């Protein structure tokens, strides 16, 4: 026969276990912020996060300098920025791909956008910002939403 106290305690124990658990380590994260150039919003381009563990994930820089990159893993990443894709008006789709462990996937299209490619006005930036090993920018992406990750490019 099952003890009545045990039956009463079982649902409470289940609730405590469910509430006390953290999200899985592979839960996708997002990063958002603003990219400026010499203190003014960079009016377009792409920001890329290259992770030490592998994979690169991109976000579109909006005309007001804001960006959001979704579906990133948690961890340390080097950051690079490019604007050359705005020169011709046609973007190379490979610029906007990211992936884990060598597999490639397209970043999701932000709401209100009809394409993943960059938009905005071309602005020439120093070459070093295109290379994650030379840009000087890094970020630690935590689980969930990471806002206020701003980057100021300077001459």
Protein backbone atom coordinates (compact mmCIF):
# COMPACT_ATOMS: atom_id res chain seq x y z
CA UNK A 1 0.00 0.00 0.00
CA UNK A 2 1.30 3.47 -0.89
CA UNK A 3 1.69 5.96 1.92
CA UNK A 4 -0.74 8.95 1.60
CA UNK A 5 2.00 11.43 2.51
CA UNK A 6 4.15 10.15 -0.33
CA UNK A 7 1.29 10.70 -2.79
CA UNK A 8 0.85 14.28 -1.56
CA UNK A 9 4.59 15.04 -1.72
CA UNK A 10 5.16 13.65 -5.23
CA UNK A 11 3.44 16.50 -7.19
CA UNK A 12 5.18 19.15 -5.07
CA UNK A 13 8.54 17.48 -5.67
CA UNK A 14 7.91 17.38 -9.42
CA UNK A 15 7.08 21.11 -9.47
CA UNK A 16 10.24 21.97 -7.51
CA UNK A 17 12.38 19.92 -9.86
CA UNK A 18 10.84 21.51 -12.97
CA UNK A 19 11.19 25.09 -11.67
CA UNK A 20 14.69 24.56 -10.34
CA UNK A 21 16.17 23.31 -13.61
CA UNK A 22 18.14 25.65 -15.87
CA UNK A 23 17.58 25.79 -19.61
CA UNK A 24 19.69 23.31 -21.58
CA UNK A 25 23.16 24.51 -22.52
CA UNK A 26 22.30 24.32 -26.22
CA UNK A 27 19.40 26.78 -25.91
CA UNK A 28 19.78 29.37 -28.70
CA UNK A 29 20.77 32.88 -27.69
CA UNK A 30 20.31 36.26 -29.30
CA UNK A 31 22.57 39.32 -29.33
CA UNK A 32 21.46 42.86 -30.08
CA UNK A 33 22.93 46.32 -29.90
CA UNK A 34 24.18 49.15 -32.03
CA UNK A 35 27.15 49.55 -34.38
CA UNK A 36 28.60 53.04 -34.72
CA UNK A 37 31.39 54.47 -36.83
CA UNK A 38 33.28 57.40 -35.32
CA UNK A 39 30.41 57.88 -32.87
CA UNK A 40 27.59 57.91 -35.46
CA UNK A 41 25.25 54.99 -36.32
CA UNK A 42 26.67 52.79 -39.09
CA UNK A 43 23.82 52.94 -41.65
CA UNK A 44 24.04 49.36 -42.93
CA UNK A 45 26.10 46.21 -43.34
CA UNK A 46 26.57 42.90 -41.58
CA UNK A 47 27.89 42.00 -38.14
CA UNK A 48 29.34 38.50 -37.69
CA UNK A 49 30.05 36.51 -34.54
CA UNK A 50 32.74 33.82 -34.96
CA UNK A 51 32.83 31.36 -32.06
CA UNK A 52 35.95 29.68 -30.66
CA UNK A 53 34.08 26.37 -30.67
CA UNK A 54 33.30 26.78 -34.36
CA UNK A 55 30.59 28.39 -36.43
CA UNK A 56 29.85 31.94 -37.50
CA UNK A 57 26.50 33.69 -37.11
CA UNK A 58 25.44 36.99 -38.69
CA UNK A 59 23.03 39.82 -38.16
CA UNK A 60 21.94 42.62 -40.46
CA UNK A 61 22.88 46.17 -39.45
CA UNK A 62 19.83 48.38 -39.92
CA UNK A 63 20.03 51.98 -41.22
CA UNK A 64 19.91 53.28 -37.61
CA UNK A 65 22.95 51.14 -36.68
CA UNK A 66 20.95 48.59 -34.68
CA UNK A 67 21.32 44.85 -35.20
CA UNK A 68 19.98 41.57 -33.85
CA UNK A 69 21.55 38.16 -34.39
CA UNK A 70 19.45 35.13 -33.46
CA UNK A 71 20.02 31.41 -32.89
CA UNK A 72 23.58 31.82 -31.55
CA UNK A 73 25.18 29.39 -29.12
CA UNK A 74 26.38 30.62 -25.73
CA UNK A 75 30.14 31.22 -25.55
CA UNK A 76 32.97 33.55 -26.53
CA UNK A 77 33.02 35.03 -30.03
CA UNK A 78 35.16 37.35 -32.10
CA UNK A 79 33.19 40.10 -33.86
CA UNK A 80 33.64 41.48 -37.37
CA UNK A 81 31.71 44.03 -39.42
CA UNK A 82 31.45 44.44 -43.20
CA UNK A 83 29.77 47.02 -45.41
CA UNK A 84 31.14 46.04 -48.85
CA UNK A 85 27.99 44.04 -49.65
CA UNK A 86 26.16 47.37 -49.87
CA UNK A 87 28.41 48.68 -52.67
CA UNK A 88 26.79 46.69 -55.46
CA UNK A 89 23.29 46.36 -54.05
CA UNK A 90 23.43 42.60 -54.43
CA UNK A 91 24.63 40.48 -51.59
CA UNK A 92 26.51 37.21 -51.70
CA UNK A 93 24.30 34.82 -49.69
CA UNK A 94 27.39 33.18 -48.17
CA UNK A 95 27.95 36.41 -46.24
CA UNK A 96 24.83 35.76 -44.20
CA UNK A 97 25.28 32.10 -43.36
CA UNK A 98 26.26 30.72 -39.99
CA UNK A 99 26.61 27.24 -38.68
CA UNK A 100 27.81 24.89 -36.01
CA UNK A 101 30.73 22.58 -36.47
CA UNK A 102 31.09 23.24 -40.17
CA UNK A 103 27.43 22.88 -41.06
CA UNK A 104 25.93 25.96 -42.60
CA UNK A 105 22.52 27.46 -41.97
CA UNK A 106 20.85 30.71 -42.87
CA UNK A 107 20.07 33.08 -40.03
CA UNK A 108 16.34 33.65 -39.67
CA UNK A 109 14.92 36.72 -41.38
CA UNK A 110 14.06 39.40 -38.80
CA UNK A 111 10.34 40.23 -38.57
CA UNK A 112 9.31 42.95 -40.97
CA UNK A 113 12.09 42.09 -43.44
CA UNK A 114 11.64 40.43 -46.81
CA UNK A 115 15.23 39.23 -47.18
CA UNK A 116 18.30 38.38 -45.14
CA UNK A 117 20.66 40.63 -47.11
CA UNK A 118 21.96 43.94 -45.88
CA UNK A 119 20.15 47.18 -46.39
CA UNK A 120 21.09 50.75 -45.81
CA UNK A 121 23.74 53.05 -47.14
CA UNK A 122 27.30 52.00 -47.98
CA UNK A 123 29.93 53.48 -45.69
CA UNK A 124 33.62 52.72 -46.19
CA UNK A 125 35.09 51.38 -42.96
CA UNK A 126 38.70 50.40 -42.14
CA UNK A 127 39.66 46.97 -43.50
CA UNK A 128 40.60 45.58 -40.07
CA UNK A 129 36.93 45.41 -38.99
CA UNK A 130 36.16 42.81 -41.69
CA UNK A 131 38.54 40.29 -40.09
CA UNK A 132 37.48 38.77 -36.74
CA UNK A 133 41.15 38.24 -35.85
CA UNK A 134 42.02 41.92 -36.45
CA UNK A 135 38.88 43.84 -35.44
CA UNK A 136 39.74 43.87 -31.75
CA UNK A 137 36.10 43.12 -30.83
CA UNK A 138 34.99 40.16 -28.74
CA UNK A 139 31.80 39.30 -26.90
CA UNK A 140 30.68 36.68 -24.43
CA UNK A 141 27.22 35.45 -25.38
CA UNK A 142 25.19 34.25 -22.43
CA UNK A 143 22.14 32.01 -22.53
CA UNK A 144 18.99 33.74 -23.76
CA UNK A 145 18.78 37.41 -24.75
CA UNK A 146 21.95 39.55 -24.72
CA UNK A 147 21.14 43.20 -25.37
CA UNK A 148 23.27 46.33 -25.30
CA UNK A 149 26.24 44.75 -27.11
CA UNK A 150 27.47 47.90 -28.85
CA UNK A 151 30.52 48.28 -31.06
CA UNK A 152 32.14 51.58 -32.10
CA UNK A 153 34.34 51.45 -35.17
CA UNK A 154 36.93 54.25 -35.41
CA UNK A 155 39.47 55.35 -38.03
